[in-house]
Protein backbone atom coordinates (compact mmCIF):
# COMPACT_ATOMS: atom_id res chain seq x y z
CA MET A 1 -46.50 -26.83 -30.78
CA GLY A 2 -45.13 -23.91 -28.13
CA ILE A 3 -45.21 -22.78 -24.64
CA SER A 4 -48.21 -20.73 -24.09
CA ALA A 5 -48.01 -17.58 -22.19
CA VAL A 6 -49.53 -18.76 -18.79
CA ALA A 7 -47.09 -22.27 -18.68
CA ILE A 8 -44.59 -19.90 -18.36
CA PHE A 9 -46.13 -17.50 -16.14
CA ARG A 10 -46.54 -20.34 -13.53
CA ILE A 11 -42.84 -21.54 -14.17
CA LEU A 12 -41.76 -17.82 -13.04
CA VAL A 13 -43.82 -17.56 -10.27
CA LEU A 14 -42.67 -21.00 -8.80
CA ILE A 15 -39.41 -19.33 -9.50
CA VAL A 16 -39.94 -16.72 -7.67
CA VAL A 17 -41.34 -18.86 -4.44
CA ILE A 18 -38.72 -21.87 -4.72
CA PHE A 19 -35.98 -19.84 -5.04
CA PRO A 20 -36.15 -18.15 -1.53
CA ASN A 21 -37.30 -21.29 0.18
CA TYR A 22 -34.36 -22.96 -1.12
CA LEU A 23 -31.81 -19.57 0.07
CA PHE A 24 -33.63 -20.07 3.65
CA TYR A 25 -32.55 -23.69 3.48
CA LYS A 26 -29.20 -22.89 2.91
CA LYS A 27 -28.95 -20.03 5.36
CA TYR A 28 -31.11 -21.42 8.20
CA ASN A 29 -28.90 -23.14 10.94
CA LYS A 30 -30.48 -26.31 11.25
CA ASN A 31 -29.10 -27.49 14.29
CA LYS A 32 -32.31 -26.15 15.89
CA LYS A 33 -35.13 -28.75 17.34
CA ARG A 34 -37.90 -26.99 15.10
CA TYR A 35 -36.22 -26.13 11.83
CA PHE A 36 -38.86 -27.76 9.68
CA ILE A 37 -41.91 -25.82 11.47
CA HIS A 38 -39.85 -22.66 10.02
CA ALA A 39 -39.40 -24.00 6.96
CA PHE A 40 -42.80 -24.67 6.85
CA ALA A 41 -44.05 -21.58 7.86
CA PHE A 42 -41.65 -19.23 5.58
CA PHE A 43 -43.00 -21.45 2.50
CA PHE A 44 -46.54 -20.10 3.31
CA ILE A 45 -45.51 -16.83 3.81
CA SER A 46 -43.58 -16.58 0.67
CA ILE A 47 -46.27 -17.97 -0.87
CA THR A 48 -48.89 -15.52 1.25
CA VAL A 49 -46.48 -12.59 -0.12
CA SER A 50 -46.75 -13.31 -3.88
CA LEU A 51 -50.54 -13.74 -4.35
CA LEU A 52 -50.43 -10.57 -2.04
CA VAL A 53 -48.46 -8.89 -4.66
CA MET A 54 -50.62 -9.92 -7.48
CA LEU A 55 -53.34 -8.76 -5.50
CA PHE A 56 -52.24 -5.58 -4.44
CA ILE A 57 -50.78 -5.30 -8.76
CA ALA A 58 -54.51 -6.42 -10.00
CA ILE A 59 -56.66 -4.12 -7.68
CA SER A 60 -54.16 -1.04 -8.40
CA LYS A 61 -55.36 -1.74 -12.11
CA GLU A 62 -59.01 -1.72 -11.08
CA LEU A 63 -57.88 1.63 -9.80
CA ILE A 64 -55.80 3.10 -12.04
CA SER A 65 -58.55 2.08 -14.79
CA GLY A 66 -61.34 3.74 -12.64
CA PHE A 67 -59.62 7.37 -11.98
CA LEU A 68 -58.07 7.73 -15.63
CA ASN A 69 -61.52 6.37 -17.44
CA ILE A 70 -59.57 3.98 -19.62
CA ASP A 71 -60.22 0.57 -20.35
CA ILE A 72 -57.28 -2.25 -19.60
CA ASP A 73 -58.46 -5.27 -21.36
CA ASP A 74 -57.28 -7.95 -19.22
CA THR A 75 -57.29 -10.74 -22.06
CA THR A 76 -54.58 -9.11 -24.35
CA ASN A 77 -50.93 -10.38 -24.25
CA THR A 78 -50.15 -6.58 -23.75
CA TYR A 79 -51.73 -6.66 -20.35
CA MET A 80 -50.37 -10.42 -19.93
CA ILE A 81 -46.87 -9.12 -20.47
CA PHE A 82 -47.04 -6.17 -18.31
CA PHE A 83 -48.74 -8.09 -15.44
CA ALA A 84 -45.90 -10.43 -15.25
CA ILE A 85 -43.11 -7.68 -15.51
CA MET A 86 -44.77 -5.95 -12.46
CA THR A 87 -45.22 -9.12 -10.56
CA ILE A 88 -42.57 -11.05 -11.02
CA PRO A 89 -39.29 -8.86 -9.57
CA SER A 90 -41.70 -7.18 -6.68
CA SER A 91 -42.35 -10.52 -5.74
CA PHE A 92 -39.34 -11.95 -5.85
CA LEU A 93 -37.75 -8.77 -3.93
CA ALA A 94 -41.14 -8.73 -1.12
CA ASN A 95 -39.78 -12.40 -0.77
CA PHE A 96 -36.08 -12.05 -0.37
CA TYR A 97 -36.97 -8.85 2.24
CA LEU A 98 -38.45 -11.32 4.53
CA LEU A 99 -36.39 -14.18 3.89
CA ASN A 100 -33.64 -11.48 5.22
CA ALA A 101 -35.96 -10.47 8.07
CA TYR A 102 -37.15 -13.97 9.05
CA LEU A 103 -33.30 -14.97 9.34
CA ARG A 104 -32.37 -11.99 11.29
CA LYS A 105 -35.14 -12.99 13.47
CA ASN A 106 -34.84 -16.82 14.30
CA ASN A 107 -31.15 -17.52 13.16
CA LYS A 108 -29.66 -16.05 16.35
CA SER A 109 -26.70 -17.53 18.04
CA ASN A 110 -25.68 -17.02 21.49
CA GLU A 111 -21.63 -16.23 20.29
CA ILE A 112 -20.12 -12.94 21.05
CA GLU A 113 -18.35 -11.72 17.82
CA LEU A 114 -15.02 -10.43 19.06
CA ILE A 115 -14.58 -6.93 16.89
CA GLY A 116 -10.35 -5.98 16.37
CA LYS A 117 -6.87 -7.18 16.38
CA GLU A 118 -6.12 -10.31 17.79
C-alpha cells in the first residue's frame, strides 16, 4: 500500500507553509514584546498567500480552457502533477518574498551601521 498523490501534495503544501515560518522564527528579532503577535500574523499571511496562489492557478486554468476551447480534465494524474508543479514553487517563492519584506519592515533596529575602515 503506497502513499497517494493527494497525501504527497498535502505534505508538500505543509512544507511550503512551515519552512518560511521556521525561517521567520530564526531571523526575527526576538527581543521585542510583540513577537508572538508577529509570528501568528506571518503564519496566517503565509497560509493566505499559498491559498491565493492555488486559487489563481485554478482560475487561470479555467480561463485558458475557456479562451482556447480546450477541455482540461481535472481528475487525471497529468493535471494533478501539472497543478502541483505550478503551485508548490510559486507558493514557496511568494512566501519567501513576503518573509523578506515582512522582516525588513518589522525587524529594524536602532543601531547605526558603520561603513568604512576602523
